[in-house]
Amino acid sequence: MRASPYDLREHGYTAVAIETPEGKAEYAAAQRGFARHAADLRRRLLVVCETLTLA
């Protein structure tokens, strides 16, 4: 959402200027972080699902 045209400052989010090289780099780094976090959550969810199917 920080790369969207919406003003999210009242929610504590500053805009990312994806039209600049610096903004693109910031956005890409944030997306990589989200992907890492999501991968961890997927692994944990798979463990739970496997545990439930073996019960």
PDB file of N, CA and C in Angstrom:
ATOM      1  N   MET A   1       0.811  -1.200   0.000  1.00  0.00           N
ATOM      2  CA  MET A   1       0.000   0.000   0.000  1.00  0.00           C
ATOM      3  C   MET A   1       0.852   1.261   0.000  1.00  0.00           C
ATOM      4  N   ARG A   2       2.060   1.184   0.495  1.00  0.00           N
ATOM      5  CA  ARG A   2       2.892   2.389   0.553  1.00  0.00           C
ATOM      6  C   ARG A   2       3.273   2.876  -0.838  1.00  0.00           C
ATOM      7  N   ALA A   3       3.181   2.021  -1.845  1.00  0.00           N
ATOM      8  CA  ALA A   3       3.498   2.425  -3.204  1.00  0.00           C
ATOM      9  C   ALA A   3       2.242   2.840  -3.961  1.00  0.00           C
ATOM     10  N   SER A   4       1.121   2.880  -3.287  1.00  0.00           N
ATOM     11  CA  SER A   4      -0.144   3.247  -3.919  1.00  0.00           C
ATOM     12  C   SER A   4      -0.315   4.769  -3.909  1.00  0.00           C
ATOM     13  N   PRO A   5      -1.301   5.247  -4.637  1.00  0.00           N
ATOM     14  CA  PRO A   5      -1.540   6.698  -4.657  1.00  0.00           C
ATOM     15  C   PRO A   5      -2.276   7.213  -3.420  1.00  0.00           C
ATOM     16  N   TYR A   6      -2.559   6.350  -2.460  1.00  0.00           N
ATOM     17  CA  TYR A   6      -3.314   6.751  -1.279  1.00  0.00           C
ATOM     18  C   TYR A   6      -2.397   7.327  -0.207  1.00  0.00           C
ATOM     19  N   ASP A   7      -2.898   8.319   0.491  1.00  0.00           N
ATOM     20  CA  ASP A   7      -2.162   8.949   1.588  1.00  0.00           C
ATOM     21  C   ASP A   7      -2.441   8.171   2.866  1.00  0.00           C
ATOM     22  N   LEU A   8      -1.454   7.427   3.333  1.00  0.00           N
ATOM     23  CA  LEU A   8      -1.630   6.584   4.502  1.00  0.00           C
ATOM     24  C   LEU A   8      -0.886   7.117   5.727  1.00  0.00           C
ATOM     25  N   ARG A   9      -0.499   8.386   5.688  1.00  0.00           N
ATOM     26  CA  ARG A   9       0.264   8.956   6.802  1.00  0.00           C
ATOM     27  C   ARG A   9      -0.480   8.887   8.125  1.00  0.00           C
ATOM     28  N   GLU A  10      -1.797   9.064   8.114  1.00  0.00           N
ATOM     29  CA  GLU A  10      -2.535   9.016   9.374  1.00  0.00           C
ATOM     30  C   GLU A  10      -2.556   7.617   9.977  1.00  0.00           C
ATOM     31  N   HIS A  11      -2.152   6.620   9.190  1.00  0.00           N
ATOM     32  CA  HIS A  11      -2.059   5.242   9.681  1.00  0.00           C
ATOM     33  C   HIS A  11      -0.616   4.849   9.985  1.00  0.00           C
ATOM     34  N   GLY A  12       0.285   5.823   9.886  1.00  0.00           N
ATOM     35  CA  GLY A  12       1.675   5.586  10.233  1.00  0.00           C
ATOM     36  C   GLY A  12       2.549   5.090   9.095  1.00  0.00           C
ATOM     37  N   TYR A  13       2.078   5.207   7.856  1.00  0.00           N
ATOM     38  CA  TYR A  13       2.852   4.736   6.709  1.00  0.00           C
ATOM     39  C   TYR A  13       3.227   5.894   5.801  1.00  0.00           C
ATOM     40  N   THR A  14       4.504   5.987   5.499  1.00  0.00           N
ATOM     41  CA  THR A  14       4.946   6.998   4.546  1.00  0.00           C
ATOM     42  C   THR A  14       4.932   6.392   3.150  1.00  0.00           C
ATOM     43  N   ALA A  15       4.866   7.248   2.157  1.00  0.00           N
ATOM     44  CA  ALA A  15       4.822   6.793   0.773  1.00  0.00           C
ATOM     45  C   ALA A  15       6.203   6.329   0.315  1.00  0.00           C
ATOM     46  N   VAL A  16       6.208   5.384  -0.606  1.00  0.00           N
ATOM     47  CA  VAL A  16       7.441   4.936  -1.248  1.00  0.00           C
ATOM     48  C   VAL A  16       7.391   5.461  -2.676  1.00  0.00           C
ATOM     49  N   ALA A  17       8.386   6.248  -3.039  1.00  0.00           N
ATOM     50  CA  ALA A  17       8.429   6.836  -4.381  1.00  0.00           C
ATOM     51  C   ALA A  17       9.019   5.819  -5.362  1.00  0.00           C
ATOM     52  N   ILE A  18       8.164   4.919  -5.860  1.00  0.00           N
ATOM     53  CA  ILE A  18       8.662   3.842  -6.716  1.00  0.00           C
ATOM     54  C   ILE A  18       9.112   4.339  -8.085  1.00  0.00           C
ATOM     55  N   GLU A  19       8.866   5.601  -8.366  1.00  0.00           N
ATOM     56  CA  GLU A  19       9.311   6.150  -9.651  1.00  0.00           C
ATOM     57  C   GLU A  19      10.780   6.573  -9.626  1.00  0.00           C
ATOM     58  N   THR A  20      11.398   6.484  -8.443  1.00  0.00           N
ATOM     59  CA  THR A  20      12.823   6.813  -8.327  1.00  0.00           C
ATOM     60  C   THR A  20      13.625   5.530  -8.097  1.00  0.00           C
ATOM     61  N   PRO A  21      14.896   5.520  -8.464  1.00  0.00           N
ATOM     62  CA  PRO A  21      15.719   4.329  -8.212  1.00  0.00           C
ATOM     63  C   PRO A  21      15.768   3.957  -6.725  1.00  0.00           C
ATOM     64  N   GLU A  22      15.852   4.964  -5.859  1.00  0.00           N
ATOM     65  CA  GLU A  22      15.893   4.700  -4.423  1.00  0.00           C
ATOM     66  C   GLU A  22      14.582   4.093  -3.936  1.00  0.00           C
ATOM     67  N   GLY A  23      13.478   4.641  -4.412  1.00  0.00           N
ATOM     68  CA  GLY A  23      12.161   4.130  -4.032  1.00  0.00           C
ATOM     69  C   GLY A  23      11.943   2.714  -4.526  1.00  0.00           C
ATOM     70  N   LYS A  24      12.364   2.446  -5.754  1.00  0.00           N
ATOM     71  CA  LYS A  24      12.245   1.085  -6.288  1.00  0.00           C
ATOM     72  C   LYS A  24      13.044   0.109  -5.448  1.00  0.00           C
ATOM     73  N   ALA A  25      14.254   0.512  -5.043  1.00  0.00           N
ATOM     74  CA  ALA A  25      15.094  -0.359  -4.215  1.00  0.00           C
ATOM     75  C   ALA A  25      14.444  -0.590  -2.853  1.00  0.00           C
ATOM     76  N   GLU A  26      13.886   0.456  -2.260  1.00  0.00           N
ATOM     77  CA  GLU A  26      13.208   0.327  -0.970  1.00  0.00           C
ATOM     78  C   GLU A  26      12.011  -0.614  -1.076  1.00  0.00           C
ATOM     79  N   TYR A  27      11.241  -0.434  -2.132  1.00  0.00           N
ATOM     80  CA  TYR A  27      10.055  -1.270  -2.347  1.00  0.00           C
ATOM     81  C   TYR A  27      10.451  -2.728  -2.563  1.00  0.00           C
ATOM     82  N   ALA A  28      11.464  -2.966  -3.384  1.00  0.00           N
ATOM     83  CA  ALA A  28      11.924  -4.327  -3.655  1.00  0.00           C
ATOM     84  C   ALA A  28      12.424  -4.998  -2.380  1.00  0.00           C
ATOM     85  N   ALA A  29      13.147  -4.261  -1.554  1.00  0.00           N
ATOM     86  CA  ALA A  29      13.646  -4.818  -0.292  1.00  0.00           C
ATOM     87  C   ALA A  29      12.481  -5.186   0.628  1.00  0.00           C
ATOM     88  N   ALA A  30      11.482  -4.337   0.690  1.00  0.00           N
ATOM     89  CA  ALA A  30      10.314  -4.630   1.530  1.00  0.00           C
ATOM     90  C   ALA A  30       9.592  -5.877   1.027  1.00  0.00           C
ATOM     91  N   GLN A  31       9.453  -6.007  -0.285  1.00  0.00           N
ATOM     92  CA  GLN A  31       8.785  -7.176  -0.850  1.00  0.00           C
ATOM     93  C   GLN A  31       9.565  -8.459  -0.550  1.00  0.00           C
ATOM     94  N   ARG A  32      10.892  -8.389  -0.609  1.00  0.00           N
ATOM     95  CA  ARG A  32      11.700  -9.565  -0.261  1.00  0.00           C
ATOM     96  C   ARG A  32      11.482  -9.949   1.202  1.00  0.00           C
ATOM     97  N   GLY A  33      11.383  -8.951   2.069  1.00  0.00           N
ATOM     98  CA  GLY A  33      11.119  -9.215   3.485  1.00  0.00           C
ATOM     99  C   GLY A  33       9.762  -9.877   3.689  1.00  0.00           C
ATOM    100  N   PHE A  34       8.746  -9.374   2.983  1.00  0.00           N
ATOM    101  CA  PHE A  34       7.421  -9.988   3.081  1.00  0.00           C
ATOM    102  C   PHE A  34       7.462 -11.430   2.590  1.00  0.00           C
ATOM    103  N   ALA A  35       8.187 -11.677   1.521  1.00  0.00           N
ATOM    104  CA  ALA A  35       8.279 -13.027   0.967  1.00  0.00           C
ATOM    105  C   ALA A  35       8.960 -13.975   1.947  1.00  0.00           C
ATOM    106  N   ARG A  36      10.015 -13.510   2.610  1.00  0.00           N
ATOM    107  CA  ARG A  36      10.686 -14.346   3.611  1.00  0.00           C
ATOM    108  C   ARG A  36       9.747 -14.671   4.767  1.00  0.00           C
ATOM    109  N   HIS A  37       9.038 -13.664   5.232  1.00  0.00           N
ATOM    110  CA  HIS A  37       8.099 -13.859   6.333  1.00  0.00           C
ATOM    111  C   HIS A  37       6.989 -14.825   5.911  1.00  0.00           C
ATOM    112  N   ALA A  38       6.475 -14.664   4.719  1.00  0.00           N
ATOM    113  CA  ALA A  38       5.412 -15.545   4.220  1.00  0.00           C
ATOM    114  C   ALA A  38       5.914 -16.975   4.095  1.00  0.00           C
ATOM    115  N   ALA A  39       7.149 -17.163   3.668  1.00  0.00           N
ATOM    116  CA  ALA A  39       7.712 -18.513   3.542  1.00  0.00           C
ATOM    117  C   ALA A  39       7.773 -19.179   4.909  1.00  0.00           C
ATOM    118  N   ASP A  40       8.162 -18.446   5.935  1.00  0.00           N
ATOM    119  CA  ASP A  40       8.194 -18.986   7.300  1.00  0.00           C
ATOM    120  C   ASP A  40       6.787 -19.389   7.752  1.00  0.00           C
ATOM    121  N   LEU A  41       5.812 -18.535   7.479  1.00  0.00           N
ATOM    122  CA  LEU A  41       4.441 -18.845   7.862  1.00  0.00           C
ATOM    123  C   LEU A  41       3.924 -20.073   7.121  1.00  0.00           C
ATOM    124  N   ARG A  42       4.248 -20.177   5.823  1.00  0.00           N
ATOM    125  CA  ARG A  42       3.829 -21.354   5.047  1.00  0.00           C
ATOM    126  C   ARG A  42       4.415 -22.627   5.625  1.00  0.00           C
ATOM    127  N   ARG A  43       5.696 -22.595   5.986  1.00  0.00           N
ATOM    128  CA  ARG A  43       6.336 -23.776   6.577  1.00  0.00           C
ATOM    129  C   ARG A  43       5.643 -24.177   7.880  1.00  0.00           C
ATOM    130  N   ARG A  44       5.355 -23.206   8.725  1.00  0.00           N
ATOM    131  CA  ARG A  44       4.685 -23.495   9.991  1.00  0.00           C
ATOM    132  C   ARG A  44       3.286 -24.051   9.753  1.00  0.00           C
ATOM    133  N   LEU A  45       2.574 -23.488   8.792  1.00  0.00           N
ATOM    134  CA  LEU A  45       1.233 -23.967   8.468  1.00  0.00           C
ATOM    135  C   LEU A  45       1.278 -25.397   7.940  1.00  0.00           C
ATOM    136  N   LEU A  46       2.256 -25.707   7.115  1.00  0.00           N
ATOM    137  CA  LEU A  46       2.387 -27.067   6.606  1.00  0.00           C
ATOM    138  C   LEU A  46       2.637 -28.068   7.727  1.00  0.00           C
ATOM    139  N   VAL A  47       3.454 -27.691   8.685  1.00  0.00           N
ATOM    140  CA  VAL A  47       3.705 -28.574   9.830  1.00  0.00           C
ATOM    141  C   VAL A  47       2.404 -28.841  10.582  1.00  0.00           C
ATOM    142  N   VAL A  48       1.629 -27.810  10.822  1.00  0.00           N
ATOM    143  CA  VAL A  48       0.357 -27.977  11.523  1.00  0.00           C
ATOM    144  C   VAL A  48      -0.584 -28.863  10.713  1.00  0.00           C
ATOM    145  N   CYS A  49      -0.686 -28.612   9.424  1.00  0.00           N
ATOM    146  CA  CYS A  49      -1.570 -29.412   8.577  1.00  0.00           C
ATOM    147  C   CYS A  49      -1.141 -30.874   8.544  1.00  0.00           C
ATOM    148  N   GLU A  50       0.146 -31.109   8.433  1.00  0.00           N
ATOM    149  CA  GLU A  50       0.644 -32.488   8.430  1.00  0.00           C
ATOM    150  C   GLU A  50       0.352 -33.162   9.762  1.00  0.00           C
ATOM    151  N   THR A  51       0.497 -32.439  10.853  1.00  0.00           N
ATOM    152  CA  THR A  51       0.200 -32.986  12.170  1.00  0.00           C
ATOM    153  C   THR A  51      -1.282 -33.358  12.279  1.00  0.00           C
ATOM    154  N   LEU A  52      -2.134 -32.508  11.773  1.00  0.00           N
ATOM    155  CA  LEU A  52      -3.580 -32.760  11.845  1.00  0.00           C
ATOM    156  C   LEU A  52      -3.984 -33.946  10.982  1.00  0.00           C
ATOM    157  N   THR A  53      -3.365 -34.116   9.834  1.00  0.00           N
ATOM    158  CA  THR A  53      -3.752 -35.216   8.949  1.00  0.00           C
ATOM    159  C   THR A  53      -3.237 -36.555   9.476  1.00  0.00           C
ATOM    160  N   LEU A  54      -2.211 -36.535  10.328  1.00  0.00           N
ATOM    161  CA  LEU A  54      -1.677 -37.774  10.894  1.00  0.00           C
ATOM    162  C   LEU A  54      -2.429 -38.191  12.153  1.00  0.00           C
ATOM    163  N   ALA A  55      -3.220 -37.269  12.693  1.00  0.00           N
ATOM    164  CA  ALA A  55      -3.938 -37.553  13.957  1.00  0.00           C
ATOM    165  C   ALA A  55      -5.100 -38.490  13.733  1.00  0.00           C
TER     166      ALA A  55
END
